[in-house]
Amino acid sequence: FRLVPLTPGDPAARAASAIGKLDIVWRTSMGEMGRLQTSQLPRKHTAVAELRMQAVDVPRSALLEAPFRMTVSLTNMSERKMSLRLYVGKTKMSGVLVNGVSGKYLGSFPPGSSRSVTIDLFPVTPGLQKVSGLRVIDLVTGKAYDFEAVAEVFVVQQESLESVSLS
């Protein structure tokens, strides 16, 4: 069974540590009543990320030292409005670097809203490379959200691009 609050997103329901008692009542074939009641059932608190980043459009392969674009979807999972800015941690990036300026303003995100963001990248090392080192800061609260291993791209040199495309 799955219990859900009557009002979705109810802050009181999220803060509750106990969800109540389970009361089971039945009748036997002879008409006698049976009853089972549990003690208070505790609620398991699951940590929900306030901001989610998901790769939407990433090329399977990229040419070494040739810029390419990746699209990610940012979703505000919190119950408050966010004003976001995208930064790049160059020390956390290795084989694929961001091609452009760090500190791009992404705009205002109402609760539950989602938006696609295009990021220009520049591969500098051949092989399977992870896109990481992305940091989004909420300008309202100052809270930083770090995203590691957002996507993977296979970086190839010019002469080996034809063999990758065929397979």
C-alpha atoms as a PDB file:
ATOM      1  CA  PHE A   1       0.000   0.000   0.000  1.00  0.00           C
ATOM      2  CA  ARG A   2       1.036   3.573  -0.571  1.00  0.00           C
ATOM      3  CA  LEU A   3      -0.330   6.439   1.484  1.00  0.00           C
ATOM      4  CA  VAL A   4      -0.609   9.876  -0.042  1.00  0.00           C
ATOM      5  CA  PRO A   5      -1.752  13.104   1.656  1.00  0.00           C
ATOM      6  CA  LEU A   6      -5.207  14.455   0.831  1.00  0.00           C
ATOM      7  CA  THR A   7      -3.636  17.722  -0.304  1.00  0.00           C
ATOM      8  CA  PRO A   8      -0.560  17.151  -2.537  1.00  0.00           C
ATOM      9  CA  GLY A   9       2.500  19.075  -1.338  1.00  0.00           C
ATOM     10  CA  ASP A  10       0.985  19.649   2.132  1.00  0.00           C
ATOM     11  CA  PRO A  11       3.891  20.877   4.337  1.00  0.00           C
ATOM     12  CA  ALA A  12       2.293  19.404   7.496  1.00  0.00           C
ATOM     13  CA  ALA A  13       2.156  15.969   5.849  1.00  0.00           C
ATOM     14  CA  ARG A  14       5.814  16.212   4.856  1.00  0.00           C
ATOM     15  CA  ALA A  15       6.901  17.163   8.364  1.00  0.00           C
ATOM     16  CA  ALA A  16       4.946  14.397  10.124  1.00  0.00           C
ATOM     17  CA  SER A  17       7.093  11.699  11.710  1.00  0.00           C
ATOM     18  CA  ALA A  18       4.202   9.258  12.284  1.00  0.00           C
ATOM     19  CA  ILE A  19       1.444   8.430   9.820  1.00  0.00           C
ATOM     20  CA  GLY A  20      -1.065   6.918  12.270  1.00  0.00           C
ATOM     21  CA  LYS A  21      -2.287   3.478  13.253  1.00  0.00           C
ATOM     22  CA  LEU A  22      -3.478   0.644  11.085  1.00  0.00           C
ATOM     23  CA  ASP A  23      -6.836  -0.687  12.218  1.00  0.00           C
ATOM     24  CA  ILE A  24      -8.074  -3.924  10.614  1.00  0.00           C
ATOM     25  CA  VAL A  25     -11.575  -5.188  11.422  1.00  0.00           C
ATOM     26  CA  TRP A  26     -13.207  -8.362  10.072  1.00  0.00           C
ATOM     27  CA  ARG A  27     -16.031 -10.837  10.642  1.00  0.00           C
ATOM     28  CA  THR A  28     -15.603 -14.573  10.699  1.00  0.00           C
ATOM     29  CA  SER A  29     -17.919 -16.961   8.886  1.00  0.00           C
ATOM     30  CA  MET A  30     -19.747 -17.447  12.218  1.00  0.00           C
ATOM     31  CA  GLY A  31     -20.365 -13.684  12.533  1.00  0.00           C
ATOM     32  CA  GLU A  32     -17.785 -13.033  15.263  1.00  0.00           C
ATOM     33  CA  MET A  33     -15.798  -9.818  15.032  1.00  0.00           C
ATOM     34  CA  GLY A  34     -12.032  -9.720  14.848  1.00  0.00           C
ATOM     35  CA  ARG A  35      -9.793  -6.699  15.208  1.00  0.00           C
ATOM     36  CA  LEU A  36      -6.111  -5.873  14.896  1.00  0.00           C
ATOM     37  CA  GLN A  37      -4.666  -2.458  15.664  1.00  0.00           C
ATOM     38  CA  THR A  38      -0.996  -1.544  15.343  1.00  0.00           C
ATOM     39  CA  SER A  39       0.983   0.971  17.306  1.00  0.00           C
ATOM     40  CA  GLN A  40       1.918   4.274  15.614  1.00  0.00           C
ATOM     41  CA  LEU A  41       3.515   3.655  12.226  1.00  0.00           C
ATOM     42  CA  PRO A  42       6.686   5.701  11.670  1.00  0.00           C
ATOM     43  CA  ARG A  43       7.206   7.531   8.398  1.00  0.00           C
ATOM     44  CA  LYS A  44      10.390   6.950   6.469  1.00  0.00           C
ATOM     45  CA  HIS A  45      11.802  10.277   5.377  1.00  0.00           C
ATOM     46  CA  THR A  46      13.327  10.138   1.935  1.00  0.00           C
ATOM     47  CA  ALA A  47      15.585  12.940   0.878  1.00  0.00           C
ATOM     48  CA  VAL A  48      14.174  14.586  -2.226  1.00  0.00           C
ATOM     49  CA  ALA A  49      16.515  16.697  -4.285  1.00  0.00           C
ATOM     50  CA  GLU A  50      15.281  20.271  -4.585  1.00  0.00           C
ATOM     51  CA  LEU A  51      16.797  20.655  -8.044  1.00  0.00           C
ATOM     52  CA  ARG A  52      17.158  17.915 -10.643  1.00  0.00           C
ATOM     53  CA  MET A  53      19.401  17.991 -13.727  1.00  0.00           C
ATOM     54  CA  GLN A  54      18.936  15.399 -16.442  1.00  0.00           C
ATOM     55  CA  ALA A  55      20.750  15.097 -19.761  1.00  0.00           C
ATOM     56  CA  VAL A  56      18.195  15.332 -22.582  1.00  0.00           C
ATOM     57  CA  ASP A  57      20.185  15.648 -25.804  1.00  0.00           C
ATOM     58  CA  VAL A  58      23.790  14.432 -25.780  1.00  0.00           C
ATOM     59  CA  PRO A  59      25.665  13.187 -28.859  1.00  0.00           C
ATOM     60  CA  ARG A  60      26.947   9.615 -28.598  1.00  0.00           C
ATOM     61  CA  SER A  61      30.323  10.687 -29.960  1.00  0.00           C
ATOM     62  CA  ALA A  62      32.204  13.927 -30.507  1.00  0.00           C
ATOM     63  CA  LEU A  63      35.238  14.904 -32.523  1.00  0.00           C
ATOM     64  CA  LEU A  64      38.378  15.777 -30.560  1.00  0.00           C
ATOM     65  CA  GLU A  65      38.887  19.564 -30.236  1.00  0.00           C
ATOM     66  CA  ALA A  66      35.608  20.329 -32.051  1.00  0.00           C
ATOM     67  CA  PRO A  67      32.867  22.075 -30.059  1.00  0.00           C
ATOM     68  CA  PHE A  68      29.498  20.385 -29.582  1.00  0.00           C
ATOM     69  CA  ARG A  69      26.279  21.084 -27.686  1.00  0.00           C
ATOM     70  CA  MET A  70      24.511  19.222 -24.928  1.00  0.00           C
ATOM     71  CA  THR A  71      21.004  19.966 -23.647  1.00  0.00           C
ATOM     72  CA  VAL A  72      20.013  19.334 -20.045  1.00  0.00           C
ATOM     73  CA  SER A  73      16.664  19.691 -18.334  1.00  0.00           C
ATOM     74  CA  LEU A  74      16.556  21.505 -14.979  1.00  0.00           C
ATOM     75  CA  THR A  75      13.528  20.864 -12.760  1.00  0.00           C
ATOM     76  CA  ASN A  76      12.634  22.757  -9.589  1.00  0.00           C
ATOM     77  CA  MET A  77      11.450  19.996  -7.233  1.00  0.00           C
ATOM     78  CA  SER A  78      11.045  22.339  -4.248  1.00  0.00           C
ATOM     79  CA  GLU A  79       7.971  24.194  -3.054  1.00  0.00           C
ATOM     80  CA  ARG A  80       9.481  27.622  -3.563  1.00  0.00           C
ATOM     81  CA  LYS A  81      10.521  29.810  -6.466  1.00  0.00           C
ATOM     82  CA  MET A  82      14.186  29.622  -7.494  1.00  0.00           C
ATOM     83  CA  SER A  83      16.344  32.059  -9.408  1.00  0.00           C
ATOM     84  CA  LEU A  84      19.208  30.052 -10.901  1.00  0.00           C
ATOM     85  CA  ARG A  85      22.691  30.689 -12.247  1.00  0.00           C
ATOM     86  CA  LEU A  86      24.923  28.011 -13.861  1.00  0.00           C
ATOM     87  CA  TYR A  87      28.614  27.904 -12.939  1.00  0.00           C
ATOM     88  CA  VAL A  88      31.378  25.593 -14.098  1.00  0.00           C
ATOM     89  CA  GLY A  89      34.017  24.076 -11.830  1.00  0.00           C
ATOM     90  CA  LYS A  90      37.005  23.873 -14.174  1.00  0.00           C
ATOM     91  CA  THR A  91      38.998  21.857 -11.631  1.00  0.00           C
ATOM     92  CA  LYS A  92      36.320  19.122 -11.709  1.00  0.00           C
ATOM     93  CA  MET A  93      36.298  18.920 -15.506  1.00  0.00           C
ATOM     94  CA  SER A  94      38.933  16.855 -17.258  1.00  0.00           C
ATOM     95  CA  GLY A  95      38.314  15.452 -20.752  1.00  0.00           C
ATOM     96  CA  VAL A  96      35.442  17.763 -21.736  1.00  0.00           C
ATOM     97  CA  LEU A  97      35.457  21.475 -20.897  1.00  0.00           C
ATOM     98  CA  VAL A  98      32.717  24.064 -21.119  1.00  0.00           C
ATOM     99  CA  ASN A  99      33.096  26.280 -24.173  1.00  0.00           C
ATOM    100  CA  GLY A 100      31.869  29.660 -22.974  1.00  0.00           C
ATOM    101  CA  VAL A 101      31.403  31.813 -19.918  1.00  0.00           C
ATOM    102  CA  SER A 102      30.713  30.497 -16.441  1.00  0.00           C
ATOM    103  CA  GLY A 103      27.957  32.207 -14.468  1.00  0.00           C
ATOM    104  CA  LYS A 104      25.141  32.048 -17.032  1.00  0.00           C
ATOM    105  CA  TYR A 105      21.840  33.333 -15.608  1.00  0.00           C
ATOM    106  CA  LEU A 106      19.103  30.744 -16.211  1.00  0.00           C
ATOM    107  CA  GLY A 107      16.129  32.753 -15.000  1.00  0.00           C
ATOM    108  CA  SER A 108      13.330  32.199 -12.526  1.00  0.00           C
ATOM    109  CA  PHE A 109      11.933  28.702 -11.890  1.00  0.00           C
ATOM    110  CA  PRO A 110       8.512  28.480 -10.187  1.00  0.00           C
ATOM    111  CA  PRO A 111       7.864  25.345  -8.066  1.00  0.00           C
ATOM    112  CA  GLY A 112       7.535  22.222 -10.219  1.00  0.00           C
ATOM    113  CA  SER A 113       8.699  23.962 -13.392  1.00  0.00           C
ATOM    114  CA  SER A 114      11.225  22.563 -15.822  1.00  0.00           C
ATOM    115  CA  ARG A 115      13.383  24.193 -18.486  1.00  0.00           C
ATOM    116  CA  SER A 116      15.900  23.029 -21.092  1.00  0.00           C
ATOM    117  CA  VAL A 117      19.372  24.565 -21.005  1.00  0.00           C
ATOM    118  CA  THR A 118      21.955  24.245 -23.777  1.00  0.00           C
ATOM    119  CA  ILE A 119      25.614  23.945 -22.796  1.00  0.00           C
ATOM    120  CA  ASP A 120      28.467  24.325 -25.297  1.00  0.00           C
ATOM    121  CA  LEU A 121      31.290  21.842 -24.669  1.00  0.00           C
ATOM    122  CA  PHE A 122      34.822  21.358 -25.982  1.00  0.00           C
ATOM    123  CA  PRO A 123      36.454  17.872 -25.833  1.00  0.00           C
ATOM    124  CA  VAL A 124      40.210  17.878 -25.173  1.00  0.00           C
ATOM    125  CA  THR A 125      40.949  14.205 -24.438  1.00  0.00           C
ATOM    126  CA  PRO A 126      40.002  11.153 -26.556  1.00  0.00           C
ATOM    127  CA  GLY A 127      38.063   8.256 -25.052  1.00  0.00           C
ATOM    128  CA  LEU A 128      34.905   7.974 -22.974  1.00  0.00           C
ATOM    129  CA  GLN A 129      34.602  11.274 -21.084  1.00  0.00           C
ATOM    130  CA  LYS A 130      32.219  12.352 -18.336  1.00  0.00           C
ATOM    131  CA  VAL A 131      30.609  15.778 -18.350  1.00  0.00           C
ATOM    132  CA  SER A 132      30.888  16.938 -14.752  1.00  0.00           C
ATOM    133  CA  GLY A 133      31.718  19.946 -12.614  1.00  0.00           C
ATOM    134  CA  LEU A 134      28.419  21.768 -13.171  1.00  0.00           C
ATOM    135  CA  ARG A 135      27.148  23.890 -10.290  1.00  0.00           C
ATOM    136  CA  VAL A 136      23.795  25.653 -10.133  1.00  0.00           C
ATOM    137  CA  ILE A 137      23.289  28.321  -7.480  1.00  0.00           C
ATOM    138  CA  ASP A 138      19.901  29.501  -6.270  1.00  0.00           C
ATOM    139  CA  LEU A 139      20.272  33.272  -6.017  1.00  0.00           C
ATOM    140  CA  VAL A 140      17.312  33.519  -3.609  1.00  0.00           C
ATOM    141  CA  THR A 141      18.778  31.276  -0.889  1.00  0.00           C
ATOM    142  CA  GLY A 142      22.433  31.121  -1.955  1.00  0.00           C
ATOM    143  CA  LYS A 143      22.312  27.311  -1.917  1.00  0.00           C
ATOM    144  CA  ALA A 144      24.614  25.524  -4.377  1.00  0.00           C
ATOM    145  CA  TYR A 145      23.710  22.297  -6.196  1.00  0.00           C
ATOM    146  CA  ASP A 146      26.625  20.309  -7.643  1.00  0.00           C
ATOM    147  CA  PHE A 147      26.084  17.886 -10.522  1.00  0.00           C
ATOM    148  CA  GLU A 148      28.734  15.285 -11.304  1.00  0.00           C
ATOM    149  CA  ALA A 149      28.716  12.801 -14.202  1.00  0.00           C
ATOM    150  CA  VAL A 150      25.730  14.432 -15.915  1.00  0.00           C
ATOM    151  CA  ALA A 151      26.481  12.636 -19.196  1.00  0.00           C
ATOM    152  CA  GLU A 152      29.127  10.612 -21.028  1.00  0.00           C
ATOM    153  CA  VAL A 153      30.486  11.314 -24.506  1.00  0.00           C
ATOM    154  CA  PHE A 154      32.863   9.181 -26.556  1.00  0.00           C
ATOM    155  CA  VAL A 155      35.529  11.540 -27.915  1.00  0.00           C
ATOM    156  CA  VAL A 156      37.309  10.359 -31.050  1.00  0.00           C
ATOM    157  CA  GLN A 157      40.048  11.679 -33.297  1.00  0.00           C
ATOM    158  CA  GLN A 158      39.254  12.617 -36.917  1.00  0.00           C
ATOM    159  CA  GLU A 159      40.515   9.398 -38.538  1.00  0.00           C
ATOM    160  CA  SER A 160      38.606   7.096 -36.138  1.00  0.00           C
ATOM    161  CA  LEU A 161      35.253   8.940 -36.441  1.00  0.00           C
ATOM    162  CA  GLU A 162      34.151   6.899 -39.472  1.00  0.00           C
ATOM    163  CA  SER A 163      34.578   3.559 -37.658  1.00  0.00           C
ATOM    164  CA  VAL A 164      32.546   4.817 -34.650  1.00  0.00           C
ATOM    165  CA  SER A 165      29.708   6.093 -36.849  1.00  0.00           C
ATOM    166  CA  LEU A 166      29.322   2.727 -38.606  1.00  0.00           C
ATOM    167  CA  SER A 167      28.868   0.682 -35.432  1.00  0.00           C
END
